[in-house]
Amino acid sequence: MTELVIHTQELTDLFNEVYQEFMRARQIHKQFNSAHEGYAVILEELEELWLEVKKRKADQSPERVRKEAIQVAAMAVRFIYDLGI
């Protein structure tokens, strides 16, 4: 079995990006009022990620894919946070 190596600083930096997006979204939008609303926001972000992912490799922007993935992660965290789950 191959052991996975965790690069702590890279993971810390990634979580910080998710946190920053979480905080930015909280400043712009009110908290989720229901699980349905939270799901809809996550789905919207996931669809934006999907639009980037399904592009031809030559047209795909790794930066845009990363940004959209971070937004999905931040909204998942916000779902848990806002709804007290």
Protein backbone atom coordinates (compact mmCIF):
# COMPACT_ATOMS: atom_id res chain seq x y z
CA MET A 1 0.00 0.00 0.00
CA THR A 2 1.30 3.45 -0.91
CA GLU A 3 1.29 5.93 1.93
CA LEU A 4 -0.16 9.31 1.08
CA VAL A 5 2.06 12.22 1.99
CA ILE A 6 0.22 15.21 3.37
CA HIS A 7 1.88 18.53 2.66
CA THR A 8 0.74 20.42 5.73
CA GLN A 9 1.53 23.92 4.50
CA GLU A 10 -0.20 23.36 1.15
CA LEU A 11 -3.27 22.04 2.96
CA THR A 12 -3.20 24.96 5.40
CA ASP A 13 -2.99 27.38 2.47
CA LEU A 14 -5.90 25.64 0.75
CA PHE A 15 -8.07 25.76 3.87
CA ASN A 16 -7.19 29.43 4.21
CA GLU A 17 -8.44 30.06 0.65
CA VAL A 18 -11.70 28.28 1.49
CA TYR A 19 -11.99 30.34 4.69
CA GLN A 20 -11.37 33.60 2.82
CA GLU A 21 -14.09 32.71 0.29
CA PHE A 22 -16.42 31.76 3.14
CA MET A 23 -15.84 35.16 4.80
CA ARG A 24 -16.23 37.06 1.51
CA ALA A 25 -19.56 35.36 0.85
CA ARG A 26 -20.78 36.12 4.37
CA GLN A 27 -20.07 39.82 3.83
CA ILE A 28 -22.02 39.88 0.57
CA HIS A 29 -24.94 37.52 1.24
CA LYS A 30 -27.16 36.86 4.23
CA GLN A 31 -26.97 33.49 5.94
CA PHE A 32 -28.79 30.48 4.55
CA ASN A 33 -32.36 30.28 5.86
CA SER A 34 -32.89 26.62 5.07
CA ALA A 35 -31.21 23.48 3.86
CA HIS A 36 -33.03 23.95 0.54
CA GLU A 37 -31.48 27.38 0.06
CA GLY A 38 -28.02 26.13 1.03
CA TYR A 39 -28.33 23.19 -1.33
CA ALA A 40 -29.37 25.51 -4.16
CA VAL A 41 -26.32 27.72 -3.61
CA ILE A 42 -23.98 24.71 -3.50
CA LEU A 43 -25.60 23.35 -6.66
CA GLU A 44 -25.14 26.69 -8.43
CA GLU A 45 -21.45 26.73 -7.52
CA LEU A 46 -21.08 23.09 -8.54
CA GLU A 47 -22.67 23.84 -11.92
CA GLU A 48 -20.18 26.68 -12.44
CA LEU A 49 -17.37 24.25 -11.64
CA TRP A 50 -18.84 21.72 -14.07
CA LEU A 51 -18.89 24.34 -16.85
CA GLU A 52 -15.15 24.79 -16.38
CA VAL A 53 -14.38 21.08 -16.02
CA LYS A 54 -16.15 20.02 -19.20
CA LYS A 55 -14.29 22.52 -21.38
CA ARG A 56 -11.69 21.17 -23.75
CA LYS A 57 -8.30 21.01 -22.07
CA ALA A 58 -6.97 23.80 -24.31
CA ASP A 59 -9.82 26.11 -23.24
CA GLN A 60 -9.75 25.18 -19.58
CA SER A 61 -8.28 27.56 -17.03
CA PRO A 62 -6.70 25.78 -14.05
CA GLU A 63 -7.08 29.00 -12.06
CA ARG A 64 -10.81 29.17 -12.84
CA VAL A 65 -11.30 25.48 -12.02
CA ARG A 66 -9.54 26.00 -8.69
CA LYS A 67 -11.57 29.13 -7.94
CA GLU A 68 -14.85 27.34 -8.61
CA ALA A 69 -13.80 24.31 -6.54
CA ILE A 70 -12.90 26.60 -3.64
CA GLN A 71 -16.31 28.26 -3.93
CA VAL A 72 -18.00 24.84 -3.76
CA ALA A 73 -15.98 23.98 -0.64
CA ALA A 74 -16.71 27.34 0.98
CA MET A 75 -20.43 27.01 0.38
CA ALA A 76 -20.41 23.49 1.82
CA VAL A 77 -18.73 24.88 4.95
CA ARG A 78 -21.23 27.73 5.01
CA PHE A 79 -24.11 25.25 4.76
CA ILE A 80 -22.84 23.48 7.87
CA TYR A 81 -22.06 26.73 9.69
CA ASP A 82 -25.21 28.71 8.89
CA LEU A 83 -27.59 25.84 9.54
CA GLY A 84 -25.83 24.66 12.68
CA ILE A 85 -25.42 21.16 11.34
